[in-house]
Structure formats: C-alpha cells, structure tokens
Amino acid sequence: MPTVAESGYPGYEATNWYAYLAPAKTPHEIVERLHREIVKTLNAPEVRNALHKQGVEPTPMTPGELTKYMEGELVTWGKVTKASGMKAE
C-alpha cells in the first residue's frame, strides 16, 4: 500500500493518535492533575511495555502542546478533505 506522500500528498503523514480530553471549561488545576496522572501512568514500565506490544508509542504532551498538535492536524486534514472534494453525509 502506498504512503500518503506516494499517493500524491507530499509532506503529509497519516498516523493514528489518541488523546485524553476534558470539557472546555474544566478548571486548570483539574486539567493539570489529570495530565500529571496520565503521564505517570503512561511512563509506568508495565503500561509502556503493554502499549509497545500493540505497536503504540506513548508520547505524552502538555495540554498546550496537545492543543497546538490538534490545531495543526485540523489544518492539515482540512486541506486534504477540501482537495479531495469529500462531503459529510
């Protein structure tokens, strides 16, 4: 199967990613606590090993880093969607 770049979209990388999200108005201290606990869990050797066995590479990000990453994904895949002519059904 060709890569996204080989299919005519150079500069694009199609990967699966997962994130834990909270409602927009969640207090900052709760978001920070959740972030700390999730990172601690993702860094636990038994969790990392289990994820690696499934081909998953945990890459914890700060809430700000995740926001920037998601904004970039929206721009990237918005362009792909528009160029393809896809329409929501």
C-alpha atoms as a PDB file:
ATOM      1  CA  MET A   1       0.000   0.000   0.000  1.00  0.00           C
ATOM      2  CA  PRO A   2       1.480   3.394  -0.925  1.00  0.00           C
ATOM      3  CA  THR A   3       2.161   6.014   1.703  1.00  0.00           C
ATOM      4  CA  VAL A   4       0.162   9.234   1.764  1.00  0.00           C
ATOM      5  CA  ALA A   5       3.119  11.054   0.155  1.00  0.00           C
ATOM      6  CA  GLU A   6       3.409   8.379  -2.553  1.00  0.00           C
ATOM      7  CA  SER A   7      -0.320   8.824  -3.237  1.00  0.00           C
ATOM      8  CA  GLY A   8       0.229  12.419  -4.305  1.00  0.00           C
ATOM      9  CA  TYR A   9       0.219  14.266  -0.999  1.00  0.00           C
ATOM     10  CA  PRO A  10       3.881  15.019  -0.213  1.00  0.00           C
ATOM     11  CA  GLY A  11       4.515  16.429   3.239  1.00  0.00           C
ATOM     12  CA  TYR A  12       1.583  14.647   4.829  1.00  0.00           C
ATOM     13  CA  GLU A  13       1.910  11.860   7.332  1.00  0.00           C
ATOM     14  CA  ALA A  14      -1.113   9.778   8.280  1.00  0.00           C
ATOM     15  CA  THR A  15      -0.784   8.321  11.751  1.00  0.00           C
ATOM     16  CA  ASN A  16      -3.209   7.270  14.437  1.00  0.00           C
ATOM     17  CA  TRP A  17      -3.078   9.243  17.648  1.00  0.00           C
ATOM     18  CA  TYR A  18      -5.074   9.236  20.829  1.00  0.00           C
ATOM     19  CA  ALA A  19      -5.645  11.915  23.439  1.00  0.00           C
ATOM     20  CA  TYR A  20      -7.469  12.356  26.701  1.00  0.00           C
ATOM     21  CA  LEU A  21      -9.707  15.425  26.571  1.00  0.00           C
ATOM     22  CA  ALA A  22     -11.818  17.239  29.138  1.00  0.00           C
ATOM     23  CA  PRO A  23     -14.703  19.657  28.678  1.00  0.00           C
ATOM     24  CA  ALA A  24     -13.588  23.171  27.648  1.00  0.00           C
ATOM     25  CA  LYS A  25     -14.427  24.827  30.963  1.00  0.00           C
ATOM     26  CA  THR A  26     -12.699  22.255  33.177  1.00  0.00           C
ATOM     27  CA  PRO A  27     -10.720  24.152  35.846  1.00  0.00           C
ATOM     28  CA  HIS A  28      -6.982  24.451  35.121  1.00  0.00           C
ATOM     29  CA  GLU A  29      -5.975  22.668  38.339  1.00  0.00           C
ATOM     30  CA  ILE A  30      -8.094  19.640  37.412  1.00  0.00           C
ATOM     31  CA  VAL A  31      -6.625  19.533  33.887  1.00  0.00           C
ATOM     32  CA  GLU A  32      -3.114  19.716  35.355  1.00  0.00           C
ATOM     33  CA  ARG A  33      -3.845  16.937  37.861  1.00  0.00           C
ATOM     34  CA  LEU A  34      -5.288  14.699  35.139  1.00  0.00           C
ATOM     35  CA  HIS A  35      -2.249  15.453  32.968  1.00  0.00           C
ATOM     36  CA  ARG A  36       0.200  14.515  35.741  1.00  0.00           C
ATOM     37  CA  GLU A  37      -1.615  11.253  36.498  1.00  0.00           C
ATOM     38  CA  ILE A  38      -1.941  10.252  32.838  1.00  0.00           C
ATOM     39  CA  VAL A  39       1.755  10.949  32.173  1.00  0.00           C
ATOM     40  CA  LYS A  40       2.713   8.984  35.281  1.00  0.00           C
ATOM     41  CA  THR A  41       0.606   6.057  34.071  1.00  0.00           C
ATOM     42  CA  LEU A  42       1.946   6.216  30.502  1.00  0.00           C
ATOM     43  CA  ASN A  43       5.505   6.215  31.849  1.00  0.00           C
ATOM     44  CA  ALA A  44       4.951   3.170  34.056  1.00  0.00           C
ATOM     45  CA  PRO A  45       7.099   0.324  32.657  1.00  0.00           C
ATOM     46  CA  GLU A  46       4.232  -2.193  32.575  1.00  0.00           C
ATOM     47  CA  VAL A  47       1.985   0.242  30.693  1.00  0.00           C
ATOM     48  CA  ARG A  48       4.723   1.231  28.225  1.00  0.00           C
ATOM     49  CA  ASN A  49       5.533  -2.444  27.594  1.00  0.00           C
ATOM     50  CA  ALA A  50       1.873  -3.315  27.027  1.00  0.00           C
ATOM     51  CA  LEU A  51       1.450  -0.402  24.611  1.00  0.00           C
ATOM     52  CA  HIS A  52       4.678  -1.240  22.746  1.00  0.00           C
ATOM     53  CA  LYS A  53       3.446  -4.824  22.249  1.00  0.00           C
ATOM     54  CA  GLN A  54       0.464  -3.299  20.428  1.00  0.00           C
ATOM     55  CA  GLY A  55       2.686  -1.064  18.300  1.00  0.00           C
ATOM     56  CA  VAL A  56       1.770   2.085  20.232  1.00  0.00           C
ATOM     57  CA  GLU A  57       4.440   4.636  21.185  1.00  0.00           C
ATOM     58  CA  PRO A  58       3.217   6.763  24.091  1.00  0.00           C
ATOM     59  CA  THR A  59       4.146  10.398  23.533  1.00  0.00           C
ATOM     60  CA  PRO A  60       2.824  12.479  26.421  1.00  0.00           C
ATOM     61  CA  MET A  61       2.308  16.175  25.680  1.00  0.00           C
ATOM     62  CA  THR A  62       1.403  19.099  27.869  1.00  0.00           C
ATOM     63  CA  PRO A  63      -2.132  20.422  27.414  1.00  0.00           C
ATOM     64  CA  GLY A  64      -0.682  23.343  25.429  1.00  0.00           C
ATOM     65  CA  GLU A  65       1.381  21.056  23.191  1.00  0.00           C
ATOM     66  CA  LEU A  66      -1.680  18.892  22.547  1.00  0.00           C
ATOM     67  CA  THR A  67      -3.743  21.946  21.619  1.00  0.00           C
ATOM     68  CA  LYS A  68      -1.112  23.035  19.075  1.00  0.00           C
ATOM     69  CA  TYR A  69      -0.837  19.497  17.686  1.00  0.00           C
ATOM     70  CA  MET A  70      -4.601  19.206  17.258  1.00  0.00           C
ATOM     71  CA  GLU A  71      -4.800  22.628  15.603  1.00  0.00           C
ATOM     72  CA  GLY A  72      -2.119  21.512  13.140  1.00  0.00           C
ATOM     73  CA  GLU A  73      -3.999  18.293  12.406  1.00  0.00           C
ATOM     74  CA  LEU A  74      -7.183  20.267  11.706  1.00  0.00           C
ATOM     75  CA  VAL A  75      -5.336  22.486   9.220  1.00  0.00           C
ATOM     76  CA  THR A  76      -3.567  19.557   7.546  1.00  0.00           C
ATOM     77  CA  TRP A  77      -6.583  17.292   7.184  1.00  0.00           C
ATOM     78  CA  GLY A  78      -8.887  20.187   6.379  1.00  0.00           C
ATOM     79  CA  LYS A  79      -6.733  20.822   3.294  1.00  0.00           C
ATOM     80  CA  VAL A  80      -6.789  17.143   2.338  1.00  0.00           C
ATOM     81  CA  THR A  81     -10.552  16.975   2.755  1.00  0.00           C
ATOM     82  CA  LYS A  82     -11.106  20.122   0.708  1.00  0.00           C
ATOM     83  CA  ALA A  83      -8.723  18.992  -2.057  1.00  0.00           C
ATOM     84  CA  SER A  84     -10.427  15.599  -2.277  1.00  0.00           C
ATOM     85  CA  GLY A  85     -13.895  17.052  -2.634  1.00  0.00           C
ATOM     86  CA  MET A  86     -15.191  14.950   0.267  1.00  0.00           C
ATOM     87  CA  LYS A  87     -18.557  15.930   1.705  1.00  0.00           C
ATOM     88  CA  ALA A  88     -20.077  14.994   5.067  1.00  0.00           C
ATOM     89  CA  GLU A  89     -23.068  12.694   4.805  1.00  0.00           C
END
